[in-house]
Amino acid sequence: MAASYSLNSSIYVNISELEPGRSSFGIKMRVIRCYRQPSSHKADPDDTLELILHDEIGDHIHATMDYGVFKDKKLDIIEGNLYKIMNIMVAHDMSKFRTTTNPFKLRL
């Protein structure tokens, strides 16, 4: 399920309420860091867009999006701006190197 970038929904949760398997919700987050990550695998040549987000409480979470999706949707994601995002996937963050202490990661 692809992420939807709608400003009309009223079902938003904080980072502390996120859990894997839950998908019918939205988040209001500020982008505090955004960068393009080159792929390190020859089998998967697509780059990703990596985001560090924080909510109104101050909790942080790492999010990732395929760079091709970012380009295709012509999204303009700017550090410091607030975004409302719907239909995201929450997963356990099993990365070796982590950008936040949150046990979960978002897939947009």
PDB file of N, CA and C in Angstrom:
ATOM      1  N   MET A   1       0.840  -1.160   0.000  1.00  0.00           N
ATOM      2  CA  MET A   1       0.000   0.000   0.000  1.00  0.00           C
ATOM      3  C   MET A   1       0.897   1.238   0.000  1.00  0.00           C
ATOM      4  N   ALA A   2       0.693   2.114  -0.936  1.00  0.00           N
ATOM      5  CA  ALA A   2       1.513   3.314  -1.044  1.00  0.00           C
ATOM      6  C   ALA A   2       1.060   4.363  -0.043  1.00  0.00           C
ATOM      7  N   ALA A   3       1.994   5.183   0.369  1.00  0.00           N
ATOM      8  CA  ALA A   3       1.659   6.258   1.297  1.00  0.00           C
ATOM      9  C   ALA A   3       0.833   7.308   0.582  1.00  0.00           C
ATOM     10  N   SER A   4      -0.062   7.920   1.308  1.00  0.00           N
ATOM     11  CA  SER A   4      -0.908   8.973   0.784  1.00  0.00           C
ATOM     12  C   SER A   4      -0.575  10.259   1.526  1.00  0.00           C
ATOM     13  N   TYR A   5      -0.506  11.366   0.822  1.00  0.00           N
ATOM     14  CA  TYR A   5      -0.101  12.619   1.428  1.00  0.00           C
ATOM     15  C   TYR A   5      -1.284  13.575   1.432  1.00  0.00           C
ATOM     16  N   SER A   6      -2.250  13.311   2.315  1.00  0.00           N
ATOM     17  CA  SER A   6      -3.492  14.065   2.380  1.00  0.00           C
ATOM     18  C   SER A   6      -3.494  15.001   3.580  1.00  0.00           C
ATOM     19  N   LEU A   7      -4.115  16.155   3.420  1.00  0.00           N
ATOM     20  CA  LEU A   7      -4.251  17.104   4.518  1.00  0.00           C
ATOM     21  C   LEU A   7      -5.663  17.098   5.085  1.00  0.00           C
ATOM     22  N   ASN A   8      -6.542  16.169   4.664  1.00  0.00           N
ATOM     23  CA  ASN A   8      -7.940  16.210   5.042  1.00  0.00           C
ATOM     24  C   ASN A   8      -8.355  15.181   6.086  1.00  0.00           C
ATOM     25  N   SER A   9      -7.485  14.365   6.576  1.00  0.00           N
ATOM     26  CA  SER A   9      -7.871  13.323   7.524  1.00  0.00           C
ATOM     27  C   SER A   9      -7.725  13.814   8.955  1.00  0.00           C
ATOM     28  N   SER A  10      -8.495  13.207   9.871  1.00  0.00           N
ATOM     29  CA  SER A  10      -8.442  13.637  11.263  1.00  0.00           C
ATOM     30  C   SER A  10      -7.984  12.518  12.191  1.00  0.00           C
ATOM     31  N   ILE A  11      -7.438  11.439  11.678  1.00  0.00           N
ATOM     32  CA  ILE A  11      -6.985  10.313  12.498  1.00  0.00           C
ATOM     33  C   ILE A  11      -5.455  10.336  12.542  1.00  0.00           C
ATOM     34  N   TYR A  12      -4.906  10.995  13.559  1.00  0.00           N
ATOM     35  CA  TYR A  12      -3.464  11.110  13.682  1.00  0.00           C
ATOM     36  C   TYR A  12      -3.008  10.537  15.005  1.00  0.00           C
ATOM     37  N   VAL A  13      -1.848   9.900  15.003  1.00  0.00           N
ATOM     38  CA  VAL A  13      -1.268   9.329  16.223  1.00  0.00           C
ATOM     39  C   VAL A  13       0.125   9.909  16.434  1.00  0.00           C
ATOM     40  N   ASN A  14       0.600   9.811  17.659  1.00  0.00           N
ATOM     41  CA  ASN A  14       1.965  10.213  17.976  1.00  0.00           C
ATOM     42  C   ASN A  14       2.897   9.028  17.765  1.00  0.00           C
ATOM     43  N   ILE A  15       4.178   9.290  17.707  1.00  0.00           N
ATOM     44  CA  ILE A  15       5.171   8.244  17.490  1.00  0.00           C
ATOM     45  C   ILE A  15       5.081   7.164  18.566  1.00  0.00           C
ATOM     46  N   SER A  16       4.822   7.560  19.801  1.00  0.00           N
ATOM     47  CA  SER A  16       4.749   6.590  20.900  1.00  0.00           C
ATOM     48  C   SER A  16       3.584   5.601  20.742  1.00  0.00           C
ATOM     49  N   GLU A  17       2.612   5.919  19.878  1.00  0.00           N
ATOM     50  CA  GLU A  17       1.452   5.049  19.656  1.00  0.00           C
ATOM     51  C   GLU A  17       1.624   4.118  18.455  1.00  0.00           C
ATOM     52  N   LEU A  18       2.732   4.235  17.736  1.00  0.00           N
ATOM     53  CA  LEU A  18       2.963   3.409  16.550  1.00  0.00           C
ATOM     54  C   LEU A  18       3.305   1.985  16.947  1.00  0.00           C
ATOM     55  N   GLU A  19       2.803   1.026  16.160  1.00  0.00           N
ATOM     56  CA  GLU A  19       3.137  -0.374  16.365  1.00  0.00           C
ATOM     57  C   GLU A  19       3.008  -1.113  15.045  1.00  0.00           C
ATOM     58  N   PRO A  20       3.831  -2.129  14.824  1.00  0.00           N
ATOM     59  CA  PRO A  20       3.776  -2.887  13.568  1.00  0.00           C
ATOM     60  C   PRO A  20       2.397  -3.526  13.376  1.00  0.00           C
ATOM     61  N   GLY A  21       1.960  -3.586  12.132  1.00  0.00           N
ATOM     62  CA  GLY A  21       0.684  -4.211  11.801  1.00  0.00           C
ATOM     63  C   GLY A  21      -0.481  -3.246  11.767  1.00  0.00           C
ATOM     64  N   ARG A  22      -0.302  -2.062  12.275  1.00  0.00           N
ATOM     65  CA  ARG A  22      -1.363  -1.057  12.277  1.00  0.00           C
ATOM     66  C   ARG A  22      -1.153  -0.151  11.076  1.00  0.00           C
ATOM     67  N   SER A  23      -2.210   0.045  10.261  1.00  0.00           N
ATOM     68  CA  SER A  23      -2.004   0.840   9.054  1.00  0.00           C
ATOM     69  C   SER A  23      -3.086   1.876   8.787  1.00  0.00           C
ATOM     70  N   SER A  24      -4.208   1.865   9.493  1.00  0.00           N
ATOM     71  CA  SER A  24      -5.291   2.809   9.202  1.00  0.00           C
ATOM     72  C   SER A  24      -5.197   4.024  10.127  1.00  0.00           C
ATOM     73  N   PHE A  25      -4.145   4.797   9.952  1.00  0.00           N
ATOM     74  CA  PHE A  25      -3.927   5.979  10.773  1.00  0.00           C
ATOM     75  C   PHE A  25      -3.065   6.953   9.991  1.00  0.00           C
ATOM     76  N   GLY A  26      -2.899   8.121  10.531  1.00  0.00           N
ATOM     77  CA  GLY A  26      -2.034   9.115   9.928  1.00  0.00           C
ATOM     78  C   GLY A  26      -1.094   9.670  10.981  1.00  0.00           C
ATOM     79  N   ILE A  27      -0.095  10.384  10.517  1.00  0.00           N
ATOM     80  CA  ILE A  27       0.852  11.024  11.422  1.00  0.00           C
ATOM     81  C   ILE A  27       1.032  12.476  10.990  1.00  0.00           C
ATOM     82  N   LYS A  28       1.255  13.340  11.948  1.00  0.00           N
ATOM     83  CA  LYS A  28       1.652  14.725  11.690  1.00  0.00           C
ATOM     84  C   LYS A  28       3.065  14.850  12.224  1.00  0.00           C
ATOM     85  N   MET A  29       4.008  15.032  11.342  1.00  0.00           N
ATOM     86  CA  MET A  29       5.416  15.028  11.723  1.00  0.00           C
ATOM     87  C   MET A  29       6.165  16.181  11.077  1.00  0.00           C
ATOM     88  N   ARG A  30       7.173  16.634  11.777  1.00  0.00           N
ATOM     89  CA  ARG A  30       8.092  17.625  11.222  1.00  0.00           C
ATOM     90  C   ARG A  30       9.326  16.883  10.724  1.00  0.00           C
ATOM     91  N   VAL A  31       9.765  17.207   9.518  1.00  0.00           N
ATOM     92  CA  VAL A  31      10.986  16.618   8.963  1.00  0.00           C
ATOM     93  C   VAL A  31      12.170  17.400   9.519  1.00  0.00           C
ATOM     94  N   ILE A  32      13.000  16.721  10.304  1.00  0.00           N
ATOM     95  CA  ILE A  32      14.161  17.417  10.851  1.00  0.00           C
ATOM     96  C   ILE A  32      15.444  17.091  10.085  1.00  0.00           C
ATOM     97  N   ARG A  33      15.423  16.008   9.294  1.00  0.00           N
ATOM     98  CA  ARG A  33      16.569  15.667   8.437  1.00  0.00           C
ATOM     99  C   ARG A  33      16.042  14.864   7.262  1.00  0.00           C
ATOM    100  N   CYS A  34      16.534  15.162   6.079  1.00  0.00           N
ATOM    101  CA  CYS A  34      16.110  14.475   4.860  1.00  0.00           C
ATOM    102  C   CYS A  34      17.342  14.322   3.970  1.00  0.00           C
ATOM    103  N   TYR A  35      17.610  13.087   3.519  1.00  0.00           N
ATOM    104  CA  TYR A  35      18.776  12.872   2.669  1.00  0.00           C
ATOM    105  C   TYR A  35      18.553  11.667   1.752  1.00  0.00           C
ATOM    106  N   ARG A  36      19.244  11.684   0.629  1.00  0.00           N
ATOM    107  CA  ARG A  36      19.186  10.590  -0.340  1.00  0.00           C
ATOM    108  C   ARG A  36      20.279   9.584   0.012  1.00  0.00           C
ATOM    109  N   GLN A  37      19.887   8.313   0.087  1.00  0.00           N
ATOM    110  CA  GLN A  37      20.822   7.238   0.444  1.00  0.00           C
ATOM    111  C   GLN A  37      21.052   6.357  -0.782  1.00  0.00           C
ATOM    112  N   PRO A  38      22.270   6.331  -1.321  1.00  0.00           N
ATOM    113  CA  PRO A  38      22.555   5.441  -2.449  1.00  0.00           C
ATOM    114  C   PRO A  38      22.412   3.978  -2.028  1.00  0.00           C
ATOM    115  N   SER A  39      21.958   3.151  -2.938  1.00  0.00           N
ATOM    116  CA  SER A  39      21.816   1.727  -2.657  1.00  0.00           C
ATOM    117  C   SER A  39      23.189   1.084  -2.509  1.00  0.00           C
ATOM    118  N   SER A  40      23.282   0.154  -1.571  1.00  0.00           N
ATOM    119  CA  SER A  40      24.553  -0.551  -1.375  1.00  0.00           C
ATOM    120  C   SER A  40      24.495  -1.970  -1.938  1.00  0.00           C
ATOM    121  N   HIS A  41      23.379  -2.318  -2.580  1.00  0.00           N
ATOM    122  CA  HIS A  41      23.203  -3.665  -3.123  1.00  0.00           C
ATOM    123  C   HIS A  41      23.110  -3.618  -4.640  1.00  0.00           C
ATOM    124  N   LYS A  42      23.875  -4.464  -5.307  1.00  0.00           N
ATOM    125  CA  LYS A  42      23.810  -4.514  -6.767  1.00  0.00           C
ATOM    126  C   LYS A  42      22.466  -5.031  -7.251  1.00  0.00           C
ATOM    127  N   ALA A  43      21.829  -5.905  -6.464  1.00  0.00           N
ATOM    128  CA  ALA A  43      20.536  -6.467  -6.861  1.00  0.00           C
ATOM    129  C   ALA A  43      19.411  -5.432  -6.744  1.00  0.00           C
ATOM    130  N   ASP A  44      19.600  -4.399  -5.932  1.00  0.00           N
ATOM    131  CA  ASP A  44      18.591  -3.360  -5.733  1.00  0.00           C
ATOM    132  C   ASP A  44      19.244  -2.011  -6.012  1.00  0.00           C
ATOM    133  N   PRO A  45      19.236  -1.566  -7.277  1.00  0.00           N
ATOM    134  CA  PRO A  45      19.960  -0.345  -7.635  1.00  0.00           C
ATOM    135  C   PRO A  45      19.263   0.950  -7.235  1.00  0.00           C
ATOM    136  N   ASP A  46      18.039   0.865  -6.688  1.00  0.00           N
ATOM    137  CA  ASP A  46      17.291   2.075  -6.373  1.00  0.00           C
ATOM    138  C   ASP A  46      17.768   2.736  -5.090  1.00  0.00           C
ATOM    139  N   ASP A  47      17.946   4.047  -5.157  1.00  0.00           N
ATOM    140  CA  ASP A  47      18.281   4.829  -3.981  1.00  0.00           C
ATOM    141  C   ASP A  47      17.028   4.995  -3.122  1.00  0.00           C
ATOM    142  N   THR A  48      17.208   5.422  -1.886  1.00  0.00           N
ATOM    143  CA  THR A  48      16.076   5.709  -1.019  1.00  0.00           C
ATOM    144  C   THR A  48      16.191   7.142  -0.498  1.00  0.00           C
ATOM    145  N   LEU A  49      15.061   7.679  -0.096  1.00  0.00           N
ATOM    146  CA  LEU A  49      15.021   8.965   0.573  1.00  0.00           C
ATOM    147  C   LEU A  49      14.826   8.660   2.050  1.00  0.00           C
ATOM    148  N   GLU A  50      15.754   9.098   2.873  1.00  0.00           N
ATOM    149  CA  GLU A  50      15.713   8.822   4.306  1.00  0.00           C
ATOM    150  C   GLU A  50      15.271  10.084   5.037  1.00  0.00           C
ATOM    151  N   LEU A  51      14.370   9.913   6.001  1.00  0.00           N
ATOM    152  CA  LEU A  51      13.826  11.039   6.744  1.00  0.00           C
ATOM    153  C   LEU A  51      13.924  10.778   8.242  1.00  0.00           C
ATOM    154  N   ILE A  52      14.258  11.792   8.997  1.00  0.00           N
ATOM    155  CA  ILE A  52      14.155  11.732  10.444  1.00  0.00           C
ATOM    156  C   ILE A  52      12.998  12.663  10.794  1.00  0.00           C
ATOM    157  N   LEU A  53      12.002  12.114  11.475  1.00  0.00           N
ATOM    158  CA  LEU A  53      10.775  12.851  11.778  1.00  0.00           C
ATOM    159  C   LEU A  53      10.613  13.010  13.284  1.00  0.00           C
ATOM    160  N   HIS A  54       9.928  14.060  13.698  1.00  0.00           N
ATOM    161  CA  HIS A  54       9.554  14.156  15.102  1.00  0.00           C
ATOM    162  C   HIS A  54       8.148  14.718  15.211  1.00  0.00           C
ATOM    163  N   ASP A  55       7.441  14.293  16.276  1.00  0.00           N
ATOM    164  CA  ASP A  55       6.063  14.718  16.473  1.00  0.00           C
ATOM    165  C   ASP A  55       6.001  15.875  17.462  1.00  0.00           C
ATOM    166  N   GLU A  56       4.787  16.293  17.795  1.00  0.00           N
ATOM    167  CA  GLU A  56       4.614  17.451  18.672  1.00  0.00           C
ATOM    168  C   GLU A  56       5.077  17.198  20.104  1.00  0.00           C
ATOM    169  N   ILE A  57       5.196  15.930  20.489  1.00  0.00           N
ATOM    170  CA  ILE A  57       5.683  15.580  21.823  1.00  0.00           C
ATOM    171  C   ILE A  57       7.214  15.641  21.872  1.00  0.00           C
ATOM    172  N   GLY A  58       7.859  15.454  20.719  1.00  0.00           N
ATOM    173  CA  GLY A  58       9.318  15.487  20.650  1.00  0.00           C
ATOM    174  C   GLY A  58       9.944  14.137  20.394  1.00  0.00           C
ATOM    175  N   ASP A  59       9.118  13.077  20.212  1.00  0.00           N
ATOM    176  CA  ASP A  59       9.651  11.751  19.883  1.00  0.00           C
ATOM    177  C   ASP A  59      10.132  11.744  18.437  1.00  0.00           C
ATOM    178  N   HIS A  60      11.153  10.925  18.167  1.00  0.00           N
ATOM    179  CA  HIS A  60      11.750  10.830  16.828  1.00  0.00           C
ATOM    180  C   HIS A  60      11.561   9.437  16.249  1.00  0.00           C
ATOM    181  N   ILE A  61      11.532   9.364  14.909  1.00  0.00           N
ATOM    182  CA  ILE A  61      11.481   8.080  14.216  1.00  0.00           C
ATOM    183  C   ILE A  61      12.127   8.243  12.843  1.00  0.00           C
ATOM    184  N   HIS A  62      12.704   7.164  12.363  1.00  0.00           N
ATOM    185  CA  HIS A  62      13.333   7.112  11.037  1.00  0.00           C
ATOM    186  C   HIS A  62      12.275   6.635  10.040  1.00  0.00           C
ATOM    187  N   ALA A  63      12.234   7.257   8.877  1.00  0.00           N
ATOM    188  CA  ALA A  63      11.325   6.841   7.814  1.00  0.00           C
ATOM    189  C   ALA A  63      12.120   6.721   6.520  1.00  0.00           C
ATOM    190  N   THR A  64      11.650   5.843   5.648  1.00  0.00           N
ATOM    191  CA  THR A  64      12.327   5.654   4.372  1.00  0.00           C
ATOM    192  C   THR A  64      11.310   5.557   3.246  1.00  0.00           C
ATOM    193  N   MET A  65      11.715   6.021   2.067  1.00  0.00           N
ATOM    194  CA  MET A  65      10.857   6.007   0.887  1.00  0.00           C
ATOM    195  C   MET A  65      11.729   5.722  -0.326  1.00  0.00           C
ATOM    196  N   ASP A  66      11.229   4.919  -1.257  1.00  0.00           N
ATOM    197  CA  ASP A  66      11.975   4.695  -2.495  1.00  0.00           C
ATOM    198  C   ASP A  66      12.148   6.033  -3.209  1.00  0.00           C
ATOM    199  N   TYR A  67      13.367   6.318  -3.644  1.00  0.00           N
ATOM    200  CA  TYR A  67      13.626   7.606  -4.286  1.00  0.00           C
ATOM    201  C   TYR A  67      12.822   7.746  -5.581  1.00  0.00           C
ATOM    202  N   GLY A  68      12.591   6.637  -6.283  1.00  0.00           N
ATOM    203  CA  GLY A  68      11.792   6.677  -7.505  1.00  0.00           C
ATOM    204  C   GLY A  68      10.366   7.148  -7.240  1.00  0.00           C
ATOM    205  N   VAL A  69       9.778   6.705  -6.127  1.00  0.00           N
ATOM    206  CA  VAL A  69       8.431   7.138  -5.751  1.00  0.00           C
ATOM    207  C   VAL A  69       8.445   8.630  -5.457  1.00  0.00           C
ATOM    208  N   PHE A  70       9.465   9.073  -4.748  1.00  0.00           N
ATOM    209  CA  PHE A  70       9.621  10.490  -4.418  1.00  0.00           C
ATOM    210  C   PHE A  70       9.666  11.334  -5.686  1.00  0.00           C
ATOM    211  N   LYS A  71      10.471  10.916  -6.664  1.00  0.00           N
ATOM    212  CA  LYS A  71      10.584  11.653  -7.923  1.00  0.00           C
ATOM    213  C   LYS A  71       9.302  11.588  -8.730  1.00  0.00           C
ATOM    214  N   ASP A  72       8.670  10.384  -8.819  1.00  0.00           N
ATOM    215  CA  ASP A  72       7.454  10.214  -9.612  1.00  0.00           C
ATOM    216  C   ASP A  72       6.304  11.077  -9.104  1.00  0.00           C
ATOM    217  N   LYS A  73       6.163  11.194  -7.795  1.00  0.00           N
ATOM    218  CA  LYS A  73       5.082  11.988  -7.208  1.00  0.00           C
ATOM    219  C   LYS A  73       5.420  13.479  -7.161  1.00  0.00           C
ATOM    220  N   LYS A  74       6.651  13.811  -7.549  1.00  0.00           N
ATOM    221  CA  LYS A  74       7.123  15.195  -7.547  1.00  0.00           C
ATOM    222  C   LYS A  74       6.892  15.851  -6.188  1.00  0.00           C
ATOM    223  N   LEU A  75       7.261  15.127  -5.150  1.00  0.00           N
ATOM    224  CA  LEU A  75       7.094  15.631  -3.795  1.00  0.00           C
ATOM    225  C   LEU A  75       8.176  16.656  -3.478  1.00  0.00           C
ATOM    226  N   ASP A  76       7.820  17.628  -2.700  1.00  0.00           N
ATOM    227  CA  ASP A  76       8.758  18.658  -2.291  1.00  0.00           C
ATOM    228  C   ASP A  76       8.884  18.583  -0.779  1.00  0.00           C
ATOM    229  N   ILE A  77       9.793  17.747  -0.293  1.00  0.00           N
ATOM    230  CA  ILE A  77       9.981  17.567   1.140  1.00  0.00           C
ATOM    231  C   ILE A  77      11.127  18.456   1.584  1.00  0.00           C
ATOM    232  N   ILE A  78      10.830  19.337   2.532  1.00  0.00           N
ATOM    233  CA  ILE A  78      11.799  20.325   2.988  1.00  0.00           C
ATOM    234  C   ILE A  78      12.022  20.167   4.487  1.00  0.00           C
ATOM    235  N   GLU A  79      13.271  20.137   4.890  1.00  0.00           N
ATOM    236  CA  GLU A  79      13.602  20.039   6.310  1.00  0.00           C
ATOM    237  C   GLU A  79      12.989  21.212   7.069  1.00  0.00           C
ATOM    238  N   GLY A  80      12.393  20.910   8.226  1.00  0.00           N
ATOM    239  CA  GLY A  80      11.769  21.934   9.045  1.00  0.00           C
ATOM    240  C   GLY A  80      10.275  22.080   8.824  1.00  0.00           C
ATOM    241  N   ASN A  81       9.767  21.563   7.706  1.00  0.00           N
ATOM    242  CA  ASN A  81       8.335  21.667   7.421  1.00  0.00           C
ATOM    243  C   ASN A  81       7.543  20.563   8.098  1.00  0.00           C
ATOM    244  N   LEU A  82       6.265  20.836   8.341  1.00  0.00           N
ATOM    245  CA  LEU A  82       5.341  19.893   8.959  1.00  0.00           C
ATOM    246  C   LEU A  82       4.540  19.204   7.860  1.00  0.00           C
ATOM    247  N   TYR A  83       4.383  17.862   7.970  1.00  0.00           N
ATOM    248  CA  TYR A  83       3.649  17.088   6.972  1.00  0.00           C
ATOM    249  C   TYR A  83       2.647  16.172   7.658  1.00  0.00           C
ATOM    250  N   LYS A  84       1.534  15.945   6.981  1.00  0.00           N
ATOM    251  CA  LYS A  84       0.525  14.981   7.422  1.00  0.00           C
ATOM    252  C   LYS A  84       0.569  13.836   6.426  1.00  0.00           C
ATOM    253  N   ILE A  85       0.812  12.627   6.915  1.00  0.00           N
ATOM    254  CA  ILE A  85       1.008  11.468   6.045  1.00  0.00           C
ATOM    255  C   ILE A  85       0.048  10.365   6.463  1.00  0.00           C
ATOM    256  N   MET A  86      -0.613   9.740   5.491  1.00  0.00           N
ATOM    257  CA  MET A  86      -1.561   8.658   5.745  1.00  0.00           C
ATOM    258  C   MET A  86      -1.050   7.353   5.134  1.00  0.00           C
ATOM    259  N   ASN A  87      -1.572   6.232   5.642  1.00  0.00           N
ATOM    260  CA  ASN A  87      -1.318   4.894   5.092  1.00  0.00           C
ATOM    261  C   ASN A  87       0.173   4.555   5.022  1.00  0.00           C
ATOM    262  N   ILE A  88       0.790   4.524   6.165  1.00  0.00           N
ATOM    263  CA  ILE A  88       2.201   4.180   6.236  1.00  0.00           C
ATOM    264  C   ILE A  88       2.363   2.783   6.816  1.00  0.00           C
ATOM    265  N   MET A  89       3.512   2.205   6.605  1.00  0.00           N
ATOM    266  CA  MET A  89       3.794   0.883   7.150  1.00  0.00           C
ATOM    267  C   MET A  89       4.807   1.042   8.294  1.00  0.00           C
ATOM    268  N   VAL A  90       4.489   0.428   9.423  1.00  0.00           N
ATOM    269  CA  VAL A  90       5.379   0.458  10.588  1.00  0.00           C
ATOM    270  C   VAL A  90       6.049  -0.908  10.695  1.00  0.00           C
ATOM    271  N   ALA A  91       7.361  -0.908  10.848  1.00  0.00           N
ATOM    272  CA  ALA A  91       8.110  -2.168  10.974  1.00  0.00           C
ATOM    273  C   ALA A  91       9.168  -2.020  12.057  1.00  0.00           C
ATOM    274  N   HIS A  92       9.647  -3.146  12.559  1.00  0.00           N
ATOM    275  CA  HIS A  92      10.760  -3.120  13.507  1.00  0.00           C
ATOM    276  C   HIS A  92      12.003  -2.649  12.765  1.00  0.00           C
ATOM    277  N   ASP A  93      12.772  -1.791  13.383  1.00  0.00           N
ATOM    278  CA  ASP A  93      14.003  -1.293  12.774  1.00  0.00           C
ATOM    279  C   ASP A  93      15.138  -2.243  13.125  1.00  0.00           C
ATOM    280  N   MET A  94      15.536  -3.055  12.163  1.00  0.00           N
ATOM    281  CA  MET A  94      16.585  -4.045  12.373  1.00  0.00           C
ATOM    282  C   MET A  94      17.917  -3.576  11.789  1.00  0.00           C
ATOM    283  N   SER A  95      18.012  -2.291  11.476  1.00  0.00           N
ATOM    284  CA  SER A  95      19.232  -1.750  10.870  1.00  0.00           C
ATOM    285  C   SER A  95      20.422  -1.868  11.806  1.00  0.00           C
ATOM    286  N   LYS A  96      21.576  -2.083  11.210  1.00  0.00           N
ATOM    287  CA  LYS A  96      22.809  -2.157  11.993  1.00  0.00           C
ATOM    288  C   LYS A  96      23.168  -0.772  12.531  1.00  0.00           C
ATOM    289  N   PHE A  97      23.001   0.237  11.690  1.00  0.00           N
ATOM    290  CA  PHE A  97      23.252   1.619  12.089  1.00  0.00           C
ATOM    291  C   PHE A  97      21.916   2.334  12.153  1.00  0.00           C
ATOM    292  N   ARG A  98      21.598   2.902  13.310  1.00  0.00           N
ATOM    293  CA  ARG A  98      20.285   3.505  13.512  1.00  0.00           C
ATOM    294  C   ARG A  98      20.410   5.005  13.731  1.00  0.00           C
ATOM    295  N   THR A  99      19.435   5.734  13.210  1.00  0.00           N
ATOM    296  CA  THR A  99      19.441   7.185  13.329  1.00  0.00           C
ATOM    297  C   THR A  99      18.659   7.673  14.543  1.00  0.00           C
ATOM    298  N   THR A 100      17.809   6.823  15.124  1.00  0.00           N
ATOM    299  CA  THR A 100      17.050   7.175  16.318  1.00  0.00           C
ATOM    300  C   THR A 100      17.067   5.982  17.274  1.00  0.00           C
ATOM    301  N   THR A 101      16.610   6.196  18.484  1.00  0.00           N
ATOM    302  CA  THR A 101      16.535   5.114  19.448  1.00  0.00           C
ATOM    303  C   THR A 101      15.187   4.399  19.378  1.00  0.00           C
ATOM    304  N   ASN A 102      14.294   4.845  18.516  1.00  0.00           N
ATOM    305  CA  ASN A 102      12.982   4.229  18.372  1.00  0.00           C
ATOM    306  C   ASN A 102      13.130   2.816  17.830  1.00  0.00           C
ATOM    307  N   PRO A 103      12.412   1.829  18.396  1.00  0.00           N
ATOM    308  CA  PRO A 103      12.544   0.440  17.920  1.00  0.00           C
ATOM    309  C   PRO A 103      11.867   0.199  16.573  1.00  0.00           C
ATOM    310  N   PHE A 104      11.112   1.188  16.068  1.00  0.00           N
ATOM    311  CA  PHE A 104      10.384   1.025  14.809  1.00  0.00           C
ATOM    312  C   PHE A 104      10.917   1.989  13.736  1.00  0.00           C
ATOM    313  N   LYS A 105      10.544   1.664  12.503  1.00  0.00           N
ATOM    314  CA  LYS A 105      10.898   2.470  11.344  1.00  0.00           C
ATOM    315  C   LYS A 105       9.660   2.570  10.467  1.00  0.00           C
ATOM    316  N   LEU A 106       9.473   3.689   9.797  1.00  0.00           N
ATOM    317  CA  LEU A 106       8.334   3.873   8.905  1.00  0.00           C
ATOM    318  C   LEU A 106       8.747   3.649   7.467  1.00  0.00           C
ATOM    319  N   ARG A 107       7.870   3.021   6.716  1.00  0.00           N
ATOM    320  CA  ARG A 107       8.071   2.835   5.270  1.00  0.00           C
ATOM    321  C   ARG A 107       6.979   3.637   4.573  1.00  0.00           C
ATOM    322  N   LEU A 108       7.375   4.669   3.836  1.00  0.00           N
ATOM    323  CA  LEU A 108       6.404   5.537   3.164  1.00  0.00           C
ATOM    324  C   LEU A 108       6.224   5.121   1.728  1.00  0.00           C
TER     325      LEU A 108
END
